Amino acid sequence: MKRHLIPLLCLLAVANLHANGGGYSKGVVSTSAFQPIGVDQVEMLSERLEIDLHIEYADIRIEYVLHNPGKKVTVECGFPAATAGSFYMSEEQRKARPPVTLDHFMIEADGKRLAAHLLPDDIRLSGNSNGRSSIHLTSWHLVKIPFSQGQTRKVSVSYRNEYFRGSSGAEDRVSLTYLFSAAGLWAGPIKQGAVTVNPVTVDAGNVSLNHPKRFIRSDGALKWSFTDLEPTLEDDLVISVGRNIFTQHLENAPGDELPSLTYVATGGTWKDDRIVGASWQLYSRRFTAKTSSWLKEADGAEHTPDLLHDANRSTAWVEGAEGDGISEHLTLTLDKPSNVRRMGIVNGFMKSRELYFANNRVWQWAVSVNGGKTFFVEVPDEPLEHEYFWIDLPKSSELVKTIKLEIAAIRPGSTYRDTALSEVVLSIPLEKAPRIQPVR
């Protein structure tokens, strides 16, 4: 095993892959296999990694089998988390932000939960010295694992990792990085390993890996098995779950954060200041929405259907019927019949995560197009700050004039019985790239 690998070097290489030249960044750039600190006698007999991909985050589970062939020792292990500084973030703002905590972090040894503590850090791994467009190691989750002489232990780790989102000009990337190279600090190779990447609620067609030839597709998942791996920086796993190039078109409506029409290119590459090989769609909010009811608050606030296409996730249509809103419905009438193939929704009341879970969310919609046959769609219970949940509409030669959605089942809120829907957008595929100059 190569001993020159150190945690910062491992993180630095991956951070450079994600450093962006402007725009914004959000989320955890990378996490890793946990790393021994100051001890190199313990071997990693196996590592089994399972990654469940959701729309805006991944649930990660890792199971290690570790063996201590030497004397009794206590190994302190660290799980690093690195984040990207915003292009507009000052040095003072960067230093003032709290250290990153991995959501739902839990570690067990032989079935017994271990105590972990958060160690703040502030090390710039890449980027400019002023902290802009840079990657910073912000925290460590530290645990201590005792080993007796000759002992073999099973260690299980789980946590939730929000995707890293980086924008450079008009390009938006969403990704997750797992650093296998961090395991280079254990004694010997990883004798056996298995990786499973499972698209759960994310669109599987948008998932790509930096080492695609290593993986096989089985039962909808991507799987890789290996033996005697001495991990280097080349073995780090980068999973991309979305790559869009946006170009806004037309003027904003009064009060809108986004225009009512937006060109979106999925995939493709920049070449000679043009987008080549992309699939183009037109995102449209040009429809009227009528609903069976809406909620009127005691203070006079009204959650009307117009709020469904105001491009503002902090507002929502909320049904106003008694009970949970079962059978309440809304009908979208397009300003102009169009070849709509997908409908994107933001479920629940997304003004905040607290309000999302406090109110009812739709579990199942009954959907019909142009008054045709009804089909049912189950919606994952995931608050969406950036993305949409996409509903595929039936293929038809007929242009879409109306879309009706009826609440068939709900997930109950913790506080209120009102059912909410924050946003709707319609996706119209384009046969060729529009004649516009993309914003860069």
Protein backbone atom coordinates (compact mmCIF):
# COMPACT_ATOMS: atom_id res chain seq x y z
CA MET A 1 0.00 0.00 0.00
CA LYS A 2 1.36 3.43 -0.90
CA ARG A 3 2.12 5.34 2.29
CA HIS A 4 2.48 8.77 0.69
CA LEU A 5 -1.29 9.25 0.48
CA ILE A 6 -2.60 11.63 3.11
CA PRO A 7 -6.18 12.85 3.63
CA LEU A 8 -5.56 16.35 2.30
CA LEU A 9 -3.93 15.05 -0.86
CA CYS A 10 -6.86 12.72 -1.45
CA LEU A 11 -9.36 15.52 -1.09
CA LEU A 12 -7.35 17.99 -3.11
CA ALA A 13 -7.44 15.94 -6.28
CA VAL A 14 -11.19 15.50 -6.19
CA ALA A 15 -11.81 19.08 -5.21
CA ASN A 16 -10.08 20.24 -8.36
CA LEU A 17 -12.58 18.27 -10.41
CA HIS A 18 -15.40 20.37 -9.01
CA ALA A 19 -13.93 23.83 -8.58
CA ASN A 20 -16.12 26.18 -10.57
CA GLY A 21 -15.21 29.42 -12.22
CA GLY A 22 -18.18 31.46 -11.05
CA GLY A 23 -21.88 31.36 -10.39
CA TYR A 24 -22.72 29.42 -7.25
CA SER A 25 -21.90 26.26 -5.35
CA LYS A 26 -23.73 24.38 -2.65
CA GLY A 27 -23.53 21.07 -0.82
CA VAL A 28 -20.81 18.62 0.17
CA VAL A 29 -18.15 18.19 -2.51
CA SER A 30 -16.82 14.91 -1.17
CA THR A 31 -16.82 12.37 1.61
CA SER A 32 -14.64 9.30 1.85
CA ALA A 33 -13.83 5.94 3.24
CA PHE A 34 -12.90 6.60 6.83
CA GLN A 35 -9.23 7.10 7.55
CA PRO A 36 -7.05 5.90 10.44
CA ILE A 37 -5.12 8.67 12.14
CA GLY A 38 -1.58 7.83 13.21
CA VAL A 39 -2.05 4.03 13.07
CA ASP A 40 -1.26 1.84 10.06
CA GLN A 41 -1.26 -1.73 11.40
CA VAL A 42 -4.99 -2.46 10.94
CA GLU A 43 -6.03 -4.13 7.68
CA MET A 44 -9.22 -3.62 5.67
CA LEU A 45 -10.41 -7.10 4.74
CA SER A 46 -13.50 -5.86 2.93
CA GLU A 47 -15.48 -2.75 2.07
CA ARG A 48 -19.08 -2.87 0.89
CA LEU A 49 -20.50 0.44 -0.29
CA GLU A 50 -24.15 1.05 -1.13
CA ILE A 51 -25.31 4.40 -2.50
CA ASP A 52 -29.03 5.12 -2.93
CA LEU A 53 -29.52 8.08 -5.26
CA HIS A 54 -32.48 10.35 -4.55
CA ILE A 55 -33.45 13.52 -6.39
CA GLU A 56 -31.34 15.92 -4.30
CA TYR A 57 -29.32 13.69 -1.97
CA ALA A 58 -27.81 10.23 -1.56
CA ASP A 59 -28.17 7.79 1.32
CA ILE A 60 -24.83 6.07 1.86
CA ARG A 61 -24.18 2.84 3.76
CA ILE A 62 -20.73 1.30 4.17
CA GLU A 63 -19.76 -1.93 5.86
CA TYR A 64 -16.11 -2.62 6.67
CA VAL A 65 -14.43 -5.73 8.01
CA LEU A 66 -11.21 -4.68 9.75
CA HIS A 67 -8.50 -6.94 11.19
CA ASN A 68 -5.74 -6.10 13.64
CA PRO A 69 -2.85 -8.58 13.22
CA GLY A 70 -0.67 -6.71 15.72
CA LYS A 71 -0.78 -5.62 19.33
CA LYS A 72 -3.76 -4.11 21.11
CA VAL A 73 -4.51 -0.68 19.70
CA THR A 74 -7.20 2.00 19.62
CA VAL A 75 -7.68 3.49 16.17
CA GLU A 76 -9.00 7.03 15.82
CA CYS A 77 -10.79 7.35 12.49
CA GLY A 78 -11.97 10.45 10.69
CA PHE A 79 -14.65 11.09 8.07
CA PRO A 80 -13.81 14.37 6.30
CA ALA A 81 -16.35 16.66 4.63
CA ALA A 82 -15.28 19.26 2.07
CA THR A 83 -17.44 22.07 0.72
CA ALA A 84 -17.10 24.65 -2.02
CA GLY A 85 -17.05 28.35 -1.27
CA SER A 86 -19.54 30.49 -3.14
CA PHE A 87 -18.16 32.76 -5.82
CA TYR A 88 -19.73 35.66 -3.94
CA MET A 89 -18.69 34.55 -0.44
CA SER A 90 -16.25 36.82 1.36
CA GLU A 91 -13.43 35.52 3.54
CA GLU A 92 -15.31 36.69 6.64
CA GLN A 93 -18.49 34.91 5.55
CA ARG A 94 -16.58 31.72 4.84
CA LYS A 95 -14.92 31.71 8.27
CA ALA A 96 -18.24 32.44 9.99
CA ARG A 97 -20.18 29.58 8.42
CA PRO A 98 -20.65 26.52 10.65
CA PRO A 99 -18.76 23.27 9.97
CA VAL A 100 -20.50 20.72 7.80
CA THR A 101 -22.38 17.99 9.62
CA LEU A 102 -23.23 14.86 7.64
CA ASP A 103 -26.96 14.26 8.04
CA HIS A 104 -28.04 11.15 9.94
CA PHE A 105 -24.41 10.15 10.55
CA MET A 106 -24.17 6.87 12.49
CA ILE A 107 -21.36 4.39 13.07
CA GLU A 108 -21.49 0.97 14.74
CA ALA A 109 -18.83 -1.59 15.61
CA ASP A 110 -20.07 -5.18 15.88
CA GLY A 111 -23.63 -3.89 16.19
CA LYS A 112 -22.89 -1.40 18.99
CA ARG A 113 -23.27 2.30 18.24
CA LEU A 114 -20.13 4.39 18.71
CA ALA A 115 -19.99 7.99 19.85
CA ALA A 116 -18.72 10.42 17.22
CA HIS A 117 -17.74 14.03 17.70
CA LEU A 118 -17.41 16.83 15.20
CA LEU A 119 -14.03 18.48 14.80
CA PRO A 120 -14.23 21.79 12.93
CA ASP A 121 -11.47 22.50 10.45
CA ASP A 122 -10.66 25.19 7.93
CA ILE A 123 -8.16 24.15 5.31
CA ARG A 124 -8.28 25.48 1.77
CA LEU A 125 -7.70 22.59 -0.60
CA SER A 126 -7.91 24.41 -3.92
CA GLY A 127 -8.94 27.66 -5.54
CA ASN A 128 -8.12 31.30 -4.93
CA SER A 129 -6.54 32.54 -1.73
CA ASN A 130 -9.44 34.95 -1.18
CA GLY A 131 -11.74 31.98 -0.59
CA ARG A 132 -13.78 32.46 -3.75
CA SER A 133 -14.22 29.58 -6.15
CA SER A 134 -12.40 27.36 -3.66
CA ILE A 135 -12.77 24.03 -1.88
CA HIS A 136 -12.42 23.89 1.90
CA LEU A 137 -12.17 21.01 4.32
CA THR A 138 -14.59 22.20 6.99
CA SER A 139 -15.06 19.31 9.42
CA TRP A 140 -14.18 15.81 10.57
CA HIS A 141 -16.49 13.26 12.16
CA LEU A 142 -14.14 11.45 14.57
CA VAL A 143 -14.61 8.10 16.31
CA LYS A 144 -12.34 5.79 18.32
CA ILE A 145 -12.40 2.03 17.71
CA PRO A 146 -10.46 -0.27 20.08
CA PHE A 147 -8.90 -3.50 18.77
CA SER A 148 -7.45 -6.30 20.84
CA GLN A 149 -4.55 -8.33 19.45
CA GLY A 150 -5.69 -10.41 16.47
CA GLN A 151 -9.26 -9.06 16.61
CA THR A 152 -11.51 -8.74 13.55
CA ARG A 153 -14.34 -6.20 13.76
CA LYS A 154 -17.29 -5.30 11.55
CA VAL A 155 -17.86 -1.56 11.30
CA SER A 156 -21.00 -0.08 9.73
CA VAL A 157 -21.41 3.55 8.73
CA SER A 158 -24.41 5.40 7.31
CA TYR A 159 -25.16 9.02 6.50
CA ARG A 160 -27.02 11.26 4.07
CA ASN A 161 -25.01 13.30 1.58
CA GLU A 162 -26.58 16.30 -0.13
CA TYR A 163 -25.30 16.52 -3.69
CA PHE A 164 -22.71 19.09 -4.61
CA ARG A 165 -24.20 21.68 -6.96
CA GLY A 166 -21.85 23.86 -8.94
CA SER A 167 -22.58 26.43 -11.60
CA SER A 168 -20.08 27.95 -13.98
CA GLY A 169 -21.65 30.46 -16.31
CA ALA A 170 -24.68 28.73 -17.84
CA GLU A 171 -23.58 25.22 -16.88
CA ASP A 172 -25.06 23.47 -13.86
CA ARG A 173 -23.55 20.24 -12.50
CA VAL A 174 -24.89 18.02 -9.73
CA SER A 175 -22.59 15.33 -8.38
CA LEU A 176 -21.42 13.13 -5.52
CA THR A 177 -17.82 12.08 -4.84
CA TYR A 178 -16.65 9.15 -2.71
CA LEU A 179 -12.91 8.93 -2.03
CA PHE A 180 -11.71 5.35 -2.19
CA SER A 181 -8.16 6.72 -2.07
CA ALA A 182 -8.63 7.51 1.62
CA ALA A 183 -8.50 3.76 2.32
CA GLY A 184 -4.85 3.88 1.24
CA LEU A 185 -3.95 4.68 4.84
CA TRP A 186 -4.96 1.24 6.12
CA ALA A 187 -2.42 -1.60 6.07
CA GLY A 188 -2.34 -3.62 2.84
CA PRO A 189 -4.91 -3.59 0.03
CA ILE A 190 -8.68 -3.75 0.35
CA LYS A 191 -8.89 -7.51 -0.02
CA GLN A 192 -12.51 -7.62 -1.18
CA GLY A 193 -14.95 -4.92 -2.13
CA ALA A 194 -18.37 -4.34 -3.64
CA VAL A 195 -20.09 -1.14 -4.75
CA THR A 196 -23.79 -0.76 -5.56
CA VAL A 197 -25.19 2.47 -6.97
CA ASN A 198 -28.97 2.36 -6.91
CA PRO A 199 -31.07 5.09 -8.58
CA VAL A 200 -34.09 5.31 -6.26
CA THR A 201 -35.99 8.48 -7.12
CA VAL A 202 -33.45 10.16 -9.38
CA ASP A 203 -33.87 9.71 -13.14
CA ALA A 204 -31.58 6.76 -13.93
CA GLY A 205 -30.96 8.16 -17.41
CA ASN A 206 -29.22 11.17 -15.87
CA VAL A 207 -26.77 9.10 -13.81
CA SER A 208 -23.20 8.76 -15.07
CA LEU A 209 -19.99 7.49 -13.48
CA ASN A 210 -16.37 8.45 -14.01
CA HIS A 211 -15.46 4.72 -14.29
CA PRO A 212 -18.40 3.31 -16.29
CA LYS A 213 -16.51 0.23 -17.56
CA ARG A 214 -16.03 -1.05 -14.03
CA PHE A 215 -19.76 -1.34 -13.41
CA ILE A 216 -22.39 -3.72 -14.70
CA ARG A 217 -26.13 -3.05 -14.65
CA SER A 218 -28.13 -5.55 -12.64
CA ASP A 219 -31.76 -5.25 -11.48
CA GLY A 220 -31.71 -1.52 -12.21
CA ALA A 221 -28.57 -0.91 -10.13
CA LEU A 222 -24.94 -0.34 -11.12
CA LYS A 223 -22.54 -2.81 -9.48
CA TRP A 224 -18.78 -3.26 -9.22
CA SER A 225 -16.82 -5.95 -7.37
CA PHE A 226 -13.06 -6.00 -6.84
CA THR A 227 -10.28 -7.83 -5.00
CA ASP A 228 -6.90 -6.69 -3.66
CA LEU A 229 -7.44 -3.04 -4.52
CA GLU A 230 -4.70 -0.63 -3.50
CA PRO A 231 -6.72 2.55 -4.02
CA THR A 232 -5.16 5.63 -5.56
CA LEU A 233 -6.63 8.94 -6.61
CA GLU A 234 -7.68 7.32 -9.89
CA ASP A 235 -10.05 5.02 -8.00
CA ASP A 236 -12.13 7.79 -6.45
CA LEU A 237 -15.76 7.49 -7.52
CA VAL A 238 -17.54 10.51 -9.01
CA ILE A 239 -21.26 10.13 -9.68
CA SER A 240 -22.99 12.78 -11.77
CA VAL A 241 -26.75 12.89 -11.32
CA GLY A 242 -27.56 15.86 -13.51
CA ARG A 243 -25.99 18.25 -15.97
CA ASN A 244 -28.04 21.01 -17.51
CA ILE A 245 -27.14 24.08 -19.51
CA PHE A 246 -29.77 26.76 -19.09
CA THR A 247 -30.58 29.66 -21.36
CA GLN A 248 -33.38 31.96 -20.29
CA HIS A 249 -35.71 33.30 -22.93
CA LEU A 250 -38.28 36.12 -22.88
CA GLU A 251 -38.87 38.67 -20.15
CA ASN A 252 -39.85 37.88 -16.60
CA ALA A 253 -43.46 38.37 -15.67
CA PRO A 254 -43.99 40.91 -12.86
CA GLY A 255 -42.91 39.35 -9.57
CA ASP A 256 -41.49 36.21 -11.21
CA GLU A 257 -38.03 34.94 -10.30
CA LEU A 258 -37.75 33.13 -13.64
CA PRO A 259 -39.20 33.78 -17.10
CA SER A 260 -42.36 31.97 -18.17
CA LEU A 261 -40.36 30.26 -20.93
CA THR A 262 -36.89 28.78 -20.47
CA TYR A 263 -34.74 26.79 -22.89
CA VAL A 264 -32.96 23.87 -21.22
CA ALA A 265 -30.22 21.74 -22.76
CA THR A 266 -29.49 18.40 -21.10
CA GLY A 267 -26.12 16.79 -21.73
CA GLY A 268 -23.89 17.88 -24.57
CA THR A 269 -20.64 19.82 -24.39
CA TRP A 270 -19.37 23.33 -25.02
CA LYS A 271 -17.52 23.66 -28.32
CA ASP A 272 -16.64 26.89 -30.09
CA ASP A 273 -19.03 28.83 -27.84
CA ARG A 274 -21.88 26.51 -28.78
CA ILE A 275 -23.65 23.61 -27.10
CA VAL A 276 -23.09 20.43 -29.13
CA GLY A 277 -24.87 17.08 -28.76
CA ALA A 278 -27.48 18.26 -26.27
CA SER A 279 -31.12 17.34 -25.92
CA TRP A 280 -33.23 20.51 -25.85
CA GLN A 281 -36.49 21.18 -24.04
CA LEU A 282 -38.65 24.22 -23.51
CA TYR A 283 -39.83 24.69 -19.93
CA SER A 284 -43.14 26.52 -19.95
CA ARG A 285 -45.27 28.12 -17.23
CA ARG A 286 -47.74 29.49 -19.75
CA PHE A 287 -50.98 27.99 -18.53
CA THR A 288 -53.90 28.92 -16.33
CA ALA A 289 -54.72 26.82 -13.28
CA LYS A 290 -58.19 26.29 -11.86
CA THR A 291 -58.75 24.32 -8.68
CA SER A 292 -61.70 22.88 -6.79
CA SER A 293 -60.76 24.95 -3.73
CA TRP A 294 -57.99 26.92 -2.08
CA LEU A 295 -57.12 27.84 1.47
CA LYS A 296 -57.91 31.28 2.86
CA GLU A 297 -56.00 32.03 6.07
CA ALA A 298 -57.50 33.90 9.01
CA ASP A 299 -55.06 36.76 8.40
CA GLY A 300 -56.38 37.18 4.85
CA ALA A 301 -53.59 35.33 3.02
CA GLU A 302 -54.84 33.16 0.16
CA HIS A 303 -53.04 30.14 -1.34
CA THR A 304 -54.51 30.43 -4.83
CA PRO A 305 -53.79 28.30 -7.94
CA ASP A 306 -51.94 31.23 -9.54
CA LEU A 307 -49.09 30.47 -7.15
CA LEU A 308 -48.44 27.18 -8.97
CA HIS A 309 -46.59 28.91 -11.81
CA ASP A 310 -45.02 31.96 -10.20
CA ALA A 311 -41.54 30.34 -10.22
CA ASN A 312 -41.39 30.79 -6.45
CA ARG A 313 -41.07 27.70 -4.26
CA SER A 314 -41.85 29.62 -1.09
CA THR A 315 -45.48 29.99 -2.25
CA ALA A 316 -47.97 27.19 -2.85
CA TRP A 317 -51.49 26.28 -3.82
CA VAL A 318 -53.13 24.78 -0.75
CA GLU A 319 -56.51 23.08 -1.05
CA GLY A 320 -59.21 24.51 1.18
CA ALA A 321 -61.58 21.58 1.70
CA GLU A 322 -62.39 19.96 5.03
CA GLY A 323 -60.16 17.04 5.95
CA ASP A 324 -57.06 15.96 4.05
CA GLY A 325 -58.05 17.16 0.59
CA ILE A 326 -58.69 13.76 -0.97
CA SER A 327 -60.44 14.20 -4.37
CA GLU A 328 -59.55 17.91 -4.54
CA HIS A 329 -58.22 18.67 -7.99
CA LEU A 330 -56.65 21.20 -10.30
CA THR A 331 -56.83 21.65 -14.07
CA LEU A 332 -54.09 23.26 -16.15
CA THR A 333 -55.20 24.84 -19.42
CA LEU A 334 -52.33 25.69 -21.74
CA ASP A 335 -52.26 29.13 -23.35
CA LYS A 336 -51.50 27.30 -26.61
CA PRO A 337 -51.87 23.53 -27.27
CA SER A 338 -48.36 22.06 -27.22
CA ASN A 339 -46.42 18.81 -27.45
CA VAL A 340 -45.93 18.49 -23.69
CA ARG A 341 -44.19 15.25 -22.75
CA ARG A 342 -43.39 15.77 -19.08
CA MET A 343 -44.69 17.78 -16.17
CA GLY A 344 -42.41 18.81 -13.31
CA ILE A 345 -43.85 19.40 -9.84
CA VAL A 346 -42.56 20.58 -6.48
CA ASN A 347 -44.63 18.74 -3.92
CA GLY A 348 -45.75 20.12 -0.56
CA PHE A 349 -45.29 23.59 0.94
CA MET A 350 -41.62 24.29 0.19
CA LYS A 351 -41.33 27.65 1.92
CA SER A 352 -39.24 25.72 4.44
CA ARG A 353 -38.47 22.11 5.33
CA GLU A 354 -40.43 22.61 8.55
CA LEU A 355 -43.56 23.69 6.67
CA TYR A 356 -43.07 20.89 4.15
CA PHE A 357 -43.36 18.22 6.84
CA ALA A 358 -45.91 20.16 8.92
CA ASN A 359 -48.44 20.11 6.04
CA ASN A 360 -49.83 17.22 4.00
CA ARG A 361 -48.00 16.20 0.84
CA VAL A 362 -49.52 14.39 -2.12
CA TRP A 363 -48.59 10.72 -2.14
CA GLN A 364 -50.54 9.77 -5.26
CA TRP A 365 -51.99 11.83 -8.09
CA ALA A 366 -54.73 10.73 -10.48
CA VAL A 367 -53.72 12.35 -13.79
CA SER A 368 -55.57 12.73 -17.07
CA VAL A 369 -54.63 14.58 -20.27
CA ASN A 370 -57.25 16.22 -22.50
CA GLY A 371 -59.97 14.44 -20.54
CA GLY A 372 -58.55 11.03 -21.45
CA LYS A 373 -57.86 7.88 -19.44
CA THR A 374 -56.74 8.43 -15.86
CA PHE A 375 -53.37 7.10 -14.70
CA PHE A 376 -51.86 7.17 -11.22
CA VAL A 377 -48.48 8.53 -10.16
CA GLU A 378 -46.82 8.10 -6.76
CA VAL A 379 -44.69 11.02 -5.60
CA PRO A 380 -41.60 10.49 -3.40
CA ASP A 381 -41.71 12.25 -0.05
CA GLU A 382 -38.68 14.47 -0.65
CA PRO A 383 -38.56 18.25 -0.15
CA LEU A 384 -37.05 19.73 -3.33
CA GLU A 385 -35.13 22.98 -3.10
CA HIS A 386 -33.71 22.90 -6.65
CA GLU A 387 -35.10 20.07 -8.76
CA TYR A 388 -38.52 18.86 -9.92
CA PHE A 389 -40.20 15.50 -9.70
CA TRP A 390 -41.05 14.66 -13.30
CA ILE A 391 -44.27 12.98 -14.43
CA ASP A 392 -44.18 11.43 -17.91
CA LEU A 393 -47.34 12.06 -19.90
CA PRO A 394 -48.79 9.43 -22.27
CA LYS A 395 -47.39 9.49 -25.79
CA SER A 396 -49.95 10.81 -28.24
CA SER A 397 -50.14 12.52 -31.62
CA GLU A 398 -52.63 14.94 -30.09
CA LEU A 399 -51.33 18.21 -28.68
CA VAL A 400 -51.88 18.76 -24.98
CA LYS A 401 -54.62 21.25 -24.16
CA THR A 402 -55.48 20.41 -20.55
CA ILE A 403 -53.98 18.38 -17.71
CA LYS A 404 -56.03 17.42 -14.67
CA LEU A 405 -54.51 16.31 -11.38
CA GLU A 406 -56.66 14.92 -8.58
CA ILE A 407 -55.40 14.12 -5.08
CA ALA A 408 -55.79 10.34 -4.66
CA ALA A 409 -53.68 9.81 -1.52
CA ILE A 410 -51.67 11.96 0.87
CA ARG A 411 -48.87 11.76 3.38
CA PRO A 412 -50.13 13.40 6.58
CA GLY A 413 -48.46 16.50 7.96
CA SER A 414 -47.17 16.62 11.51
CA THR A 415 -49.24 19.72 12.37
CA TYR A 416 -51.78 20.60 9.67
CA ARG A 417 -54.21 18.66 7.48
CA ASP A 418 -53.90 21.00 4.49
CA THR A 419 -52.41 19.50 1.30
CA ALA A 420 -50.06 21.72 -0.70
CA LEU A 421 -48.34 21.87 -4.08
CA SER A 422 -45.68 24.53 -4.65
CA GLU A 423 -44.78 24.57 -8.36
CA VAL A 424 -45.66 23.13 -11.77
CA VAL A 425 -43.66 23.43 -15.00
CA LEU A 426 -44.31 21.81 -18.39
CA SER A 427 -41.53 20.33 -20.55
CA ILE A 428 -41.82 20.47 -24.34
CA PRO A 429 -39.12 18.60 -26.34
CA LEU A 430 -37.49 20.44 -29.23
CA GLU A 431 -36.37 18.63 -32.37
CA LYS A 432 -33.37 20.91 -32.82
CA ALA A 433 -31.46 23.52 -30.90
CA PRO A 434 -33.16 26.92 -30.78
CA ARG A 435 -31.52 29.83 -32.55
CA ILE A 436 -30.34 31.71 -29.52
CA GLN A 437 -26.99 32.63 -28.04
CA PRO A 438 -26.57 30.79 -24.71
CA VAL A 439 -25.64 32.89 -21.71
CA ARG A 440 -22.18 31.95 -20.42
